[in-house]
Amino acid sequence: AALAAIANGYQSGVAQSNQLNKTWRQSSIMAAVIGQFINNM
C-alpha cells in the first residue's frame, strides 16, 4: 500500500519479484472470485 507504484505504476529498472507477485495475486484472486460467482449463481 505504501509503494509509489500504486499511483504511478512500475518504472524502468530492476523488477522486484515480490512486488509483481503481489500485484498479480491481487488481480488473479478477484478473477477467481468472479469465476466462482459465475459457477455458483
PDB file of all heavy atoms in Angstrom:
ATOM      1  N   ALA A   1       0.829  -1.209   0.000  1.00  0.00           N
ATOM      2  CA  ALA A   1       0.000   0.000   0.000  1.00  0.00           C
ATOM      3  C   ALA A   1       0.861   1.256   0.000  1.00  0.00           C
ATOM      4  O   ALA A   1       0.418   2.322  -0.461  1.00  0.00           O
ATOM      5  CB  ALA A   1      -0.921  -0.010   1.214  1.00  0.00           C
ATOM      6  N   ALA A   2       2.111   1.134   0.509  1.00  0.00           N
ATOM      7  CA  ALA A   2       2.999   2.313   0.581  1.00  0.00           C
ATOM      8  C   ALA A   2       3.804   2.532  -0.686  1.00  0.00           C
ATOM      9  O   ALA A   2       4.502   3.549  -0.819  1.00  0.00           O
ATOM     10  CB  ALA A   2       3.949   2.150   1.779  1.00  0.00           C
ATOM     11  N   LEU A   3       3.756   1.603  -1.655  1.00  0.00           N
ATOM     12  CA  LEU A   3       4.535   1.733  -2.880  1.00  0.00           C
ATOM     13  C   LEU A   3       4.081   2.925  -3.708  1.00  0.00           C
ATOM     14  O   LEU A   3       2.882   3.164  -3.890  1.00  0.00           O
ATOM     15  CB  LEU A   3       4.408   0.473  -3.735  1.00  0.00           C
ATOM     16  CG  LEU A   3       5.175  -0.779  -3.300  1.00  0.00           C
ATOM     17  CD1 LEU A   3       4.898  -1.916  -4.282  1.00  0.00           C
ATOM     18  CD2 LEU A   3       6.674  -0.488  -3.238  1.00  0.00           C
ATOM     19  N   ALA A   4       5.050   3.642  -4.234  1.00  0.00           N
ATOM     20  CA  ALA A   4       4.737   4.731  -5.165  1.00  0.00           C
ATOM     21  C   ALA A   4       4.091   4.183  -6.435  1.00  0.00           C
ATOM     22  O   ALA A   4       3.307   4.869  -7.104  1.00  0.00           O
ATOM     23  CB  ALA A   4       6.006   5.493  -5.507  1.00  0.00           C
ATOM     24  N   ALA A   5       4.378   2.911  -6.743  1.00  0.00           N
ATOM     25  CA  ALA A   5       3.839   2.304  -7.953  1.00  0.00           C
ATOM     26  C   ALA A   5       2.320   2.174  -7.917  1.00  0.00           C
ATOM     27  O   ALA A   5       1.682   2.037  -8.964  1.00  0.00           O
ATOM     28  CB  ALA A   5       4.463   0.911  -8.153  1.00  0.00           C
ATOM     29  N   ILE A   6       1.742   2.198  -6.720  1.00  0.00           N
ATOM     30  CA  ILE A   6       0.278   2.121  -6.631  1.00  0.00           C
ATOM     31  C   ILE A   6      -0.347   3.283  -7.398  1.00  0.00           C
ATOM     32  O   ILE A   6      -1.374   3.128  -8.058  1.00  0.00           O
ATOM     33  CB  ILE A   6      -0.173   2.144  -5.158  1.00  0.00           C
ATOM     34  CG1 ILE A   6       0.314   0.895  -4.420  1.00  0.00           C
ATOM     35  CG2 ILE A   6      -1.693   2.253  -5.040  1.00  0.00           C
ATOM     36  CD1 ILE A   6      -0.260  -0.401  -4.970  1.00  0.00           C
ATOM     37  N   ALA A   7       0.302   4.454  -7.341  1.00  0.00           N
ATOM     38  CA  ALA A   7      -0.231   5.626  -8.040  1.00  0.00           C
ATOM     39  C   ALA A   7       0.331   5.764  -9.445  1.00  0.00           C
ATOM     40  O   ALA A   7      -0.391   6.112 -10.382  1.00  0.00           O
ATOM     41  CB  ALA A   7       0.064   6.886  -7.235  1.00  0.00           C
ATOM     42  N   ASN A   8       1.614   5.450  -9.607  1.00  0.00           N
ATOM     43  CA  ASN A   8       2.289   5.779 -10.864  1.00  0.00           C
ATOM     44  C   ASN A   8       2.657   4.573 -11.717  1.00  0.00           C
ATOM     45  O   ASN A   8       3.167   4.725 -12.829  1.00  0.00           O
ATOM     46  CB  ASN A   8       3.563   6.580 -10.561  1.00  0.00           C
ATOM     47  CG  ASN A   8       3.275   7.844  -9.769  1.00  0.00           C
ATOM     48  OD1 ASN A   8       2.310   8.543 -10.053  1.00  0.00           O
ATOM     49  ND2 ASN A   8       4.112   8.136  -8.774  1.00  0.00           N
ATOM     50  N   GLY A   9       2.449   3.349 -11.187  1.00  0.00           N
ATOM     51  CA  GLY A   9       2.846   2.163 -11.926  1.00  0.00           C
ATOM     52  C   GLY A   9       4.328   1.884 -11.747  1.00  0.00           C
ATOM     53  O   GLY A   9       5.094   2.719 -11.252  1.00  0.00           O
ATOM     54  N   TYR A  10       4.792   0.698 -12.154  1.00  0.00           N
ATOM     55  CA  TYR A  10       6.206   0.340 -12.040  1.00  0.00           C
ATOM     56  C   TYR A  10       7.014   1.113 -13.088  1.00  0.00           C
ATOM     57  O   TYR A  10       6.609   1.227 -14.256  1.00  0.00           O
ATOM     58  CB  TYR A  10       6.391  -1.161 -12.219  1.00  0.00           C
ATOM     59  CG  TYR A  10       5.756  -1.960 -11.095  1.00  0.00           C
ATOM     60  CD1 TYR A  10       4.652  -2.764 -11.355  1.00  0.00           C
ATOM     61  CD2 TYR A  10       6.261  -1.892  -9.808  1.00  0.00           C
ATOM     62  CE1 TYR A  10       4.055  -3.485 -10.332  1.00  0.00           C
ATOM     63  CE2 TYR A  10       5.676  -2.616  -8.771  1.00  0.00           C
ATOM     64  CZ  TYR A  10       4.564  -3.408  -9.033  1.00  0.00           C
ATOM     65  OH  TYR A  10       3.990  -4.111  -8.023  1.00  0.00           O
ATOM     66  N   GLN A  11       8.179   1.635 -12.671  1.00  0.00           N
ATOM     67  CA  GLN A  11       9.047   2.408 -13.549  1.00  0.00           C
ATOM     68  C   GLN A  11      10.186   1.528 -14.068  1.00  0.00           C
ATOM     69  O   GLN A  11      10.383   0.394 -13.629  1.00  0.00           O
ATOM     70  CB  GLN A  11       9.612   3.606 -12.793  1.00  0.00           C
ATOM     71  CG  GLN A  11       8.541   4.502 -12.175  1.00  0.00           C
ATOM     72  CD  GLN A  11       7.601   5.094 -13.220  1.00  0.00           C
ATOM     73  OE1 GLN A  11       8.069   5.660 -14.229  1.00  0.00           O
ATOM     74  NE2 GLN A  11       6.301   4.952 -13.014  1.00  0.00           N
ATOM     75  N   SER A  12      10.950   2.034 -15.000  1.00  0.00           N
ATOM     76  CA  SER A  12      12.069   1.276 -15.574  1.00  0.00           C
ATOM     77  C   SER A  12      13.103   0.965 -14.500  1.00  0.00           C
ATOM     78  O   SER A  12      13.274   1.716 -13.549  1.00  0.00           O
ATOM     79  CB  SER A  12      12.717   2.059 -16.724  1.00  0.00           C
ATOM     80  OG  SER A  12      13.204   3.304 -16.240  1.00  0.00           O
ATOM     81  N   GLY A  13      13.759  -0.160 -14.616  1.00  0.00           N
ATOM     82  CA  GLY A  13      14.745  -0.582 -13.642  1.00  0.00           C
ATOM     83  C   GLY A  13      14.605  -2.069 -13.366  1.00  0.00           C
ATOM     84  O   GLY A  13      13.941  -2.798 -14.115  1.00  0.00           O
ATOM     85  N   VAL A  14      15.224  -2.538 -12.279  1.00  0.00           N
ATOM     86  CA  VAL A  14      15.180  -3.947 -11.919  1.00  0.00           C
ATOM     87  C   VAL A  14      13.827  -4.273 -11.294  1.00  0.00           C
ATOM     88  O   VAL A  14      13.408  -3.624 -10.335  1.00  0.00           O
ATOM     89  CB  VAL A  14      16.318  -4.306 -10.952  1.00  0.00           C
ATOM     90  CG1 VAL A  14      16.223  -5.775 -10.540  1.00  0.00           C
ATOM     91  CG2 VAL A  14      17.677  -4.015 -11.590  1.00  0.00           C
ATOM     92  N   ALA A  15      13.133  -5.275 -11.842  1.00  0.00           N
ATOM     93  CA  ALA A  15      11.831  -5.672 -11.315  1.00  0.00           C
ATOM     94  C   ALA A  15      12.005  -6.382  -9.977  1.00  0.00           C
ATOM     95  O   ALA A  15      12.900  -7.209  -9.815  1.00  0.00           O
ATOM     96  CB  ALA A  15      11.114  -6.587 -12.297  1.00  0.00           C
ATOM     97  N   GLN A  16      11.163  -6.046  -9.028  1.00  0.00           N
ATOM     98  CA  GLN A  16      11.147  -6.708  -7.722  1.00  0.00           C
ATOM     99  C   GLN A  16      10.060  -7.788  -7.749  1.00  0.00           C
ATOM    100  O   GLN A  16       8.872  -7.490  -7.846  1.00  0.00           O
ATOM    101  CB  GLN A  16      10.863  -5.687  -6.618  1.00  0.00           C
ATOM    102  CG  GLN A  16      11.905  -4.578  -6.502  1.00  0.00           C
ATOM    103  CD  GLN A  16      13.247  -5.137  -6.065  1.00  0.00           C
ATOM    104  OE1 GLN A  16      13.347  -5.966  -5.159  1.00  0.00           O
ATOM    105  NE2 GLN A  16      14.311  -4.672  -6.724  1.00  0.00           N
ATOM    106  N   SER A  17      10.511  -9.040  -7.658  1.00  0.00           N
ATOM    107  CA  SER A  17       9.550 -10.147  -7.815  1.00  0.00           C
ATOM    108  C   SER A  17       8.443 -10.124  -6.778  1.00  0.00           C
ATOM    109  O   SER A  17       7.271 -10.432  -7.085  1.00  0.00           O
ATOM    110  CB  SER A  17      10.293 -11.480  -7.758  1.00  0.00           C
ATOM    111  OG  SER A  17      10.959 -11.646  -6.512  1.00  0.00           O
ATOM    112  N   ASN A  18       8.743  -9.757  -5.527  1.00  0.00           N
ATOM    113  CA  ASN A  18       7.702  -9.782  -4.503  1.00  0.00           C
ATOM    114  C   ASN A  18       6.646  -8.711  -4.737  1.00  0.00           C
ATOM    115  O   ASN A  18       5.472  -8.877  -4.394  1.00  0.00           O
ATOM    116  CB  ASN A  18       8.297  -9.667  -3.105  1.00  0.00           C
ATOM    117  CG  ASN A  18       9.061  -8.379  -2.880  1.00  0.00           C
ATOM    118  OD1 ASN A  18       9.353  -7.638  -3.821  1.00  0.00           O
ATOM    119  ND2 ASN A  18       9.426  -8.120  -1.626  1.00  0.00           N
ATOM    120  N   GLN A  19       7.086  -7.587  -5.375  1.00  0.00           N
ATOM    121  CA  GLN A  19       6.117  -6.545  -5.717  1.00  0.00           C
ATOM    122  C   GLN A  19       5.200  -7.007  -6.851  1.00  0.00           C
ATOM    123  O   GLN A  19       3.970  -6.858  -6.787  1.00  0.00           O
ATOM    124  CB  GLN A  19       6.852  -5.266  -6.121  1.00  0.00           C
ATOM    125  CG  GLN A  19       7.666  -4.639  -5.008  1.00  0.00           C
ATOM    126  CD  GLN A  19       8.410  -3.398  -5.473  1.00  0.00           C
ATOM    127  OE1 GLN A  19       8.201  -2.909  -6.588  1.00  0.00           O
ATOM    128  NE2 GLN A  19       9.309  -2.883  -4.612  1.00  0.00           N
ATOM    129  N   LEU A  20       5.797  -7.567  -7.902  1.00  0.00           N
ATOM    130  CA  LEU A  20       4.995  -8.025  -9.040  1.00  0.00           C
ATOM    131  C   LEU A  20       4.066  -9.176  -8.633  1.00  0.00           C
ATOM    132  O   LEU A  20       2.905  -9.238  -9.060  1.00  0.00           O
ATOM    133  CB  LEU A  20       5.914  -8.457 -10.181  1.00  0.00           C
ATOM    134  CG  LEU A  20       6.766  -7.348 -10.801  1.00  0.00           C
ATOM    135  CD1 LEU A  20       7.721  -7.929 -11.832  1.00  0.00           C
ATOM    136  CD2 LEU A  20       5.879  -6.278 -11.430  1.00  0.00           C
ATOM    137  N   ASN A  21       4.595 -10.099  -7.815  1.00  0.00           N
ATOM    138  CA  ASN A  21       3.761 -11.206  -7.370  1.00  0.00           C
ATOM    139  C   ASN A  21       2.534 -10.709  -6.592  1.00  0.00           C
ATOM    140  O   ASN A  21       1.441 -11.264  -6.696  1.00  0.00           O
ATOM    141  CB  ASN A  21       4.568 -12.165  -6.484  1.00  0.00           C
ATOM    142  CG  ASN A  21       5.544 -13.009  -7.291  1.00  0.00           C
ATOM    143  OD1 ASN A  21       5.399 -13.144  -8.507  1.00  0.00           O
ATOM    144  ND2 ASN A  21       6.541 -13.574  -6.618  1.00  0.00           N
ATOM    145  N   LYS A  22       2.732  -9.672  -5.796  1.00  0.00           N
ATOM    146  CA  LYS A  22       1.618  -9.099  -5.043  1.00  0.00           C
ATOM    147  C   LYS A  22       0.571  -8.529  -5.987  1.00  0.00           C
ATOM    148  O   LYS A  22      -0.639  -8.739  -5.813  1.00  0.00           O
ATOM    149  CB  LYS A  22       2.140  -8.003  -4.113  1.00  0.00           C
ATOM    150  CG  LYS A  22       1.060  -7.296  -3.300  1.00  0.00           C
ATOM    151  CD  LYS A  22       0.419  -8.195  -2.260  1.00  0.00           C
ATOM    152  CE  LYS A  22      -0.497  -7.393  -1.342  1.00  0.00           C
ATOM    153  NZ  LYS A  22      -1.151  -8.244  -0.319  1.00  0.00           N
ATOM    154  N   THR A  23       1.009  -7.811  -7.003  1.00  0.00           N
ATOM    155  CA  THR A  23       0.079  -7.239  -7.982  1.00  0.00           C
ATOM    156  C   THR A  23      -0.678  -8.340  -8.716  1.00  0.00           C
ATOM    157  O   THR A  23      -1.911  -8.287  -8.877  1.00  0.00           O
ATOM    158  CB  THR A  23       0.831  -6.363  -8.993  1.00  0.00           C
ATOM    159  OG1 THR A  23       1.483  -5.301  -8.304  1.00  0.00           O
ATOM    160  CG2 THR A  23      -0.123  -5.789 -10.035  1.00  0.00           C
ATOM    161  N   TRP A  24       0.057  -9.352  -9.159  1.00  0.00           N
ATOM    162  CA  TRP A  24      -0.583 -10.456  -9.883  1.00  0.00           C
ATOM    163  C   TRP A  24      -1.550 -11.230  -8.979  1.00  0.00           C
ATOM    164  O   TRP A  24      -2.594 -11.676  -9.415  1.00  0.00           O
ATOM    165  CB  TRP A  24       0.485 -11.388 -10.465  1.00  0.00           C
ATOM    166  CG  TRP A  24       1.322 -10.755 -11.538  1.00  0.00           C
ATOM    167  CD1 TRP A  24       0.938  -9.776 -12.415  1.00  0.00           C
ATOM    168  CD2 TRP A  24       2.687 -11.046 -11.839  1.00  0.00           C
ATOM    169  NE1 TRP A  24       1.962  -9.437 -13.252  1.00  0.00           N
ATOM    170  CE2 TRP A  24       3.056 -10.205 -12.935  1.00  0.00           C
ATOM    171  CE3 TRP A  24       3.633 -11.917 -11.323  1.00  0.00           C
ATOM    172  CZ2 TRP A  24       4.336 -10.224 -13.495  1.00  0.00           C
ATOM    173  CZ3 TRP A  24       4.908 -11.945 -11.890  1.00  0.00           C
ATOM    174  CH2 TRP A  24       5.256 -11.100 -12.961  1.00  0.00           C
ATOM    175  N   ARG A  25      -1.167 -11.374  -7.697  1.00  0.00           N
ATOM    176  CA  ARG A  25      -2.052 -12.109  -6.804  1.00  0.00           C
ATOM    177  C   ARG A  25      -3.362 -11.358  -6.586  1.00  0.00           C
ATOM    178  O   ARG A  25      -4.443 -11.955  -6.595  1.00  0.00           O
ATOM    179  CB  ARG A  25      -1.375 -12.358  -5.442  1.00  0.00           C
ATOM    180  CG  ARG A  25      -2.264 -13.215  -4.521  1.00  0.00           C
ATOM    181  CD  ARG A  25      -1.554 -13.715  -3.301  1.00  0.00           C
ATOM    182  NE  ARG A  25      -1.373 -12.682  -2.284  1.00  0.00           N
ATOM    183  CZ  ARG A  25      -0.888 -12.931  -1.070  1.00  0.00           C
ATOM    184  NH1 ARG A  25      -0.495 -14.172  -0.755  1.00  0.00           N
ATOM    185  NH2 ARG A  25      -0.747 -11.965  -0.193  1.00  0.00           N
ATOM    186  N   GLN A  26      -3.271 -10.054  -6.393  1.00  0.00           N
ATOM    187  CA  GLN A  26      -4.497  -9.299  -6.155  1.00  0.00           C
ATOM    188  C   GLN A  26      -5.465  -9.405  -7.339  1.00  0.00           C
ATOM    189  O   GLN A  26      -6.660  -9.633  -7.165  1.00  0.00           O
ATOM    190  CB  GLN A  26      -4.159  -7.831  -5.865  1.00  0.00           C
ATOM    191  CG  GLN A  26      -3.508  -7.627  -4.516  1.00  0.00           C
ATOM    192  CD  GLN A  26      -3.901  -6.309  -3.872  1.00  0.00           C
ATOM    193  OE1 GLN A  26      -4.249  -5.349  -4.558  1.00  0.00           O
ATOM    194  NE2 GLN A  26      -3.845  -6.273  -2.547  1.00  0.00           N
ATOM    195  N   SER A  27      -4.953  -9.249  -8.534  1.00  0.00           N
ATOM    196  CA  SER A  27      -5.826  -9.309  -9.715  1.00  0.00           C
ATOM    197  C   SER A  27      -6.333 -10.728  -9.958  1.00  0.00           C
ATOM    198  O   SER A  27      -7.498 -10.939 -10.334  1.00  0.00           O
ATOM    199  CB  SER A  27      -5.095  -8.772 -10.943  1.00  0.00           C
ATOM    200  OG  SER A  27      -3.915  -9.523 -11.184  1.00  0.00           O
ATOM    201  N   SER A  28      -5.464 -11.732  -9.732  1.00  0.00           N
ATOM    202  CA  SER A  28      -5.884 -13.114 -10.003  1.00  0.00           C
ATOM    203  C   SER A  28      -6.933 -13.601  -9.010  1.00  0.00           C
ATOM    204  O   SER A  28      -7.836 -14.356  -9.360  1.00  0.00           O
ATOM    205  CB  SER A  28      -4.670 -14.050  -9.993  1.00  0.00           C
ATOM    206  OG  SER A  28      -4.113 -14.165  -8.691  1.00  0.00           O
ATOM    207  N   ILE A  29      -6.802 -13.160  -7.757  1.00  0.00           N
ATOM    208  CA  ILE A  29      -7.795 -13.572  -6.759  1.00  0.00           C
ATOM    209  C   ILE A  29      -9.170 -13.055  -7.122  1.00  0.00           C
ATOM    210  O   ILE A  29     -10.174 -13.771  -7.041  1.00  0.00           O
ATOM    211  CB  ILE A  29      -7.372 -13.099  -5.346  1.00  0.00           C
ATOM    212  CG1 ILE A  29      -6.260 -14.002  -4.814  1.00  0.00           C
ATOM    213  CG2 ILE A  29      -8.560 -13.106  -4.391  1.00  0.00           C
ATOM    214  CD1 ILE A  29      -5.725 -13.578  -3.464  1.00  0.00           C
ATOM    215  N   MET A  30      -9.254 -11.811  -7.551  1.00  0.00           N
ATOM    216  CA  MET A  30     -10.559 -11.263  -7.912  1.00  0.00           C
ATOM    217  C   MET A  30     -11.116 -11.944  -9.153  1.00  0.00           C
ATOM    218  O   MET A  30     -12.325 -12.178  -9.255  1.00  0.00           O
ATOM    219  CB  MET A  30     -10.451  -9.746  -8.136  1.00  0.00           C
ATOM    220  CG  MET A  30     -10.197  -8.957  -6.860  1.00  0.00           C
ATOM    221  SD  MET A  30     -11.362  -9.370  -5.523  1.00  0.00           S
ATOM    222  CE  MET A  30     -12.928  -8.929  -6.279  1.00  0.00           C
ATOM    223  N   ALA A  31     -10.244 -12.297 -10.099  1.00  0.00           N
ATOM    224  CA  ALA A  31     -10.703 -13.033 -11.277  1.00  0.00           C
ATOM    225  C   ALA A  31     -11.265 -14.392 -10.860  1.00  0.00           C
ATOM    226  O   ALA A  31     -12.299 -14.849 -11.367  1.00  0.00           O
ATOM    227  CB  ALA A  31      -9.558 -13.210 -12.272  1.00  0.00           C
ATOM    228  N   ALA A  32     -10.578 -15.064  -9.899  1.00  0.00           N
ATOM    229  CA  ALA A  32     -11.049 -16.362  -9.415  1.00  0.00           C
ATOM    230  C   ALA A  32     -12.388 -16.229  -8.711  1.00  0.00           C
ATOM    231  O   ALA A  32     -13.278 -17.085  -8.851  1.00  0.00           O
ATOM    232  CB  ALA A  32     -10.012 -16.980  -8.480  1.00  0.00           C
ATOM    233  N   VAL A  33     -12.558 -15.159  -7.936  1.00  0.00           N
ATOM    234  CA  VAL A  33     -13.816 -14.932  -7.221  1.00  0.00           C
ATOM    235  C   VAL A  33     -14.967 -14.732  -8.209  1.00  0.00           C
ATOM    236  O   VAL A  33     -16.055 -15.291  -8.055  1.00  0.00           O
ATOM    237  CB  VAL A  33     -13.680 -13.713  -6.285  1.00  0.00           C
ATOM    238  CG1 VAL A  33     -15.051 -13.268  -5.779  1.00  0.00           C
ATOM    239  CG2 VAL A  33     -12.766 -14.056  -5.116  1.00  0.00           C
ATOM    240  N   ILE A  34     -14.733 -13.942  -9.244  1.00  0.00           N
ATOM    241  CA  ILE A  34     -15.784 -13.717 -10.250  1.00  0.00           C
ATOM    242  C   ILE A  34     -16.108 -15.020 -10.979  1.00  0.00           C
ATOM    243  O   ILE A  34     -17.284 -15.334 -11.248  1.00  0.00           O
ATOM    244  CB  ILE A  34     -15.347 -12.623 -11.242  1.00  0.00           C
ATOM    245  CG1 ILE A  34     -15.247 -11.274 -10.528  1.00  0.00           C
ATOM    246  CG2 ILE A  34     -16.325 -12.538 -12.418  1.00  0.00           C
ATOM    247  CD1 ILE A  34     -14.650 -10.161 -11.364  1.00  0.00           C
ATOM    248  N   GLY A  35     -15.088 -15.814 -11.280  1.00  0.00           N
ATOM    249  CA  GLY A  35     -15.332 -17.105 -11.913  1.00  0.00           C
ATOM    250  C   GLY A  35     -16.176 -18.019 -11.043  1.00  0.00           C
ATOM    251  O   GLY A  35     -17.084 -18.707 -11.521  1.00  0.00           O
ATOM    252  N   GLN A  36     -15.892 -18.026  -9.728  1.00  0.00           N
ATOM    253  CA  GLN A  36     -16.665 -18.854  -8.807  1.00  0.00           C
ATOM    254  C   GLN A  36     -18.092 -18.344  -8.669  1.00  0.00           C
ATOM    255  O   GLN A  36     -19.040 -19.116  -8.530  1.00  0.00           O
ATOM    256  CB  GLN A  36     -15.990 -18.892  -7.440  1.00  0.00           C
ATOM    257  CG  GLN A  36     -16.509 -19.987  -6.515  1.00  0.00           C
ATOM    258  CD  GLN A  36     -16.295 -21.371  -7.100  1.00  0.00           C
ATOM    259  OE1 GLN A  36     -15.207 -21.683  -7.579  1.00  0.00           O
ATOM    260  NE2 GLN A  36     -17.340 -22.187  -7.099  1.00  0.00           N
ATOM    261  N   PHE A  37     -18.258 -17.026  -8.712  1.00  0.00           N
ATOM    262  CA  PHE A  37     -19.594 -16.428  -8.661  1.00  0.00           C
ATOM    263  C   PHE A  37     -20.424 -16.884  -9.861  1.00  0.00           C
ATOM    264  O   PHE A  37     -21.607 -17.207  -9.734  1.00  0.00           O
ATOM    265  CB  PHE A  37     -19.460 -14.904  -8.642  1.00  0.00           C
ATOM    266  CG  PHE A  37     -20.760 -14.162  -8.647  1.00  0.00           C
ATOM    267  CD1 PHE A  37     -21.581 -14.155  -7.533  1.00  0.00           C
ATOM    268  CD2 PHE A  37     -21.173 -13.456  -9.772  1.00  0.00           C
ATOM    269  CE1 PHE A  37     -22.788 -13.463  -7.537  1.00  0.00           C
ATOM    270  CE2 PHE A  37     -22.365 -12.770  -9.790  1.00  0.00           C
ATOM    271  CZ  PHE A  37     -23.178 -12.764  -8.668  1.00  0.00           C
ATOM    272  N   ILE A  38     -19.805 -16.939 -11.031  1.00  0.00           N
ATOM    273  CA  ILE A  38     -20.483 -17.442 -12.231  1.00  0.00           C
ATOM    274  C   ILE A  38     -20.869 -18.907 -12.025  1.00  0.00           C
ATOM    275  O   ILE A  38     -21.990 -19.326 -12.353  1.00  0.00           O
ATOM    276  CB  ILE A  38     -19.585 -17.274 -13.475  1.00  0.00           C
ATOM    277  CG1 ILE A  38     -19.433 -15.787 -13.829  1.00  0.00           C
ATOM    278  CG2 ILE A  38     -20.136 -18.062 -14.658  1.00  0.00           C
ATOM    279  CD1 ILE A  38     -18.419 -15.520 -14.923  1.00  0.00           C
ATOM    280  N   ASN A  39     -19.952 -19.713 -11.472  1.00  0.00           N
ATOM    281  CA  ASN A  39     -20.253 -21.117 -11.189  1.00  0.00           C
ATOM    282  C   ASN A  39     -21.460 -21.238 -10.274  1.00  0.00           C
ATOM    283  O   ASN A  39     -22.422 -21.982 -10.545  1.00  0.00           O
ATOM    284  CB  ASN A  39     -19.063 -21.797 -10.500  1.00  0.00           C
ATOM    285  CG  ASN A  39     -17.917 -22.118 -11.448  1.00  0.00           C
ATOM    286  OD1 ASN A  39     -16.900 -22.644 -11.007  1.00  0.00           O
ATOM    287  ND2 ASN A  39     -18.041 -21.817 -12.727  1.00  0.00           N
ATOM    288  N   ASN A  40     -21.427 -20.525  -9.150  1.00  0.00           N
ATOM    289  CA  ASN A  40     -22.432 -20.694  -8.105  1.00  0.00           C
ATOM    290  C   ASN A  40     -23.803 -20.171  -8.509  1.00  0.00           C
ATOM    291  O   ASN A  40     -24.823 -20.824  -8.263  1.00  0.00           O
ATOM    292  CB  ASN A  40     -21.988 -19.987  -6.824  1.00  0.00           C
ATOM    293  CG  ASN A  40     -20.782 -20.640  -6.186  1.00  0.00           C
ATOM    294  OD1 ASN A  40     -20.397 -21.746  -6.546  1.00  0.00           O
ATOM    295  ND2 ASN A  40     -20.175 -19.954  -5.229  1.00  0.00           N
ATOM    296  N   MET A  41     -23.849 -18.992  -9.089  1.00  0.00           N
ATOM    297  CA  MET A  41     -25.130 -18.335  -9.311  1.00  0.00           C
ATOM    298  C   MET A  41     -25.724 -18.600 -10.686  1.00  0.00           C
ATOM    299  O   MET A  41     -26.943 -18.661 -10.832  1.00  0.00           O
ATOM    300  CB  MET A  41     -24.992 -16.822  -9.094  1.00  0.00           C
ATOM    301  CG  MET A  41     -24.484 -16.452  -7.710  1.00  0.00           C
ATOM    302  SD  MET A  41     -25.426 -17.224  -6.358  1.00  0.00           S
ATOM    303  CE  MET A  41     -27.053 -16.552  -6.650  1.00  0.00           C
TER     304      MET A  41
END
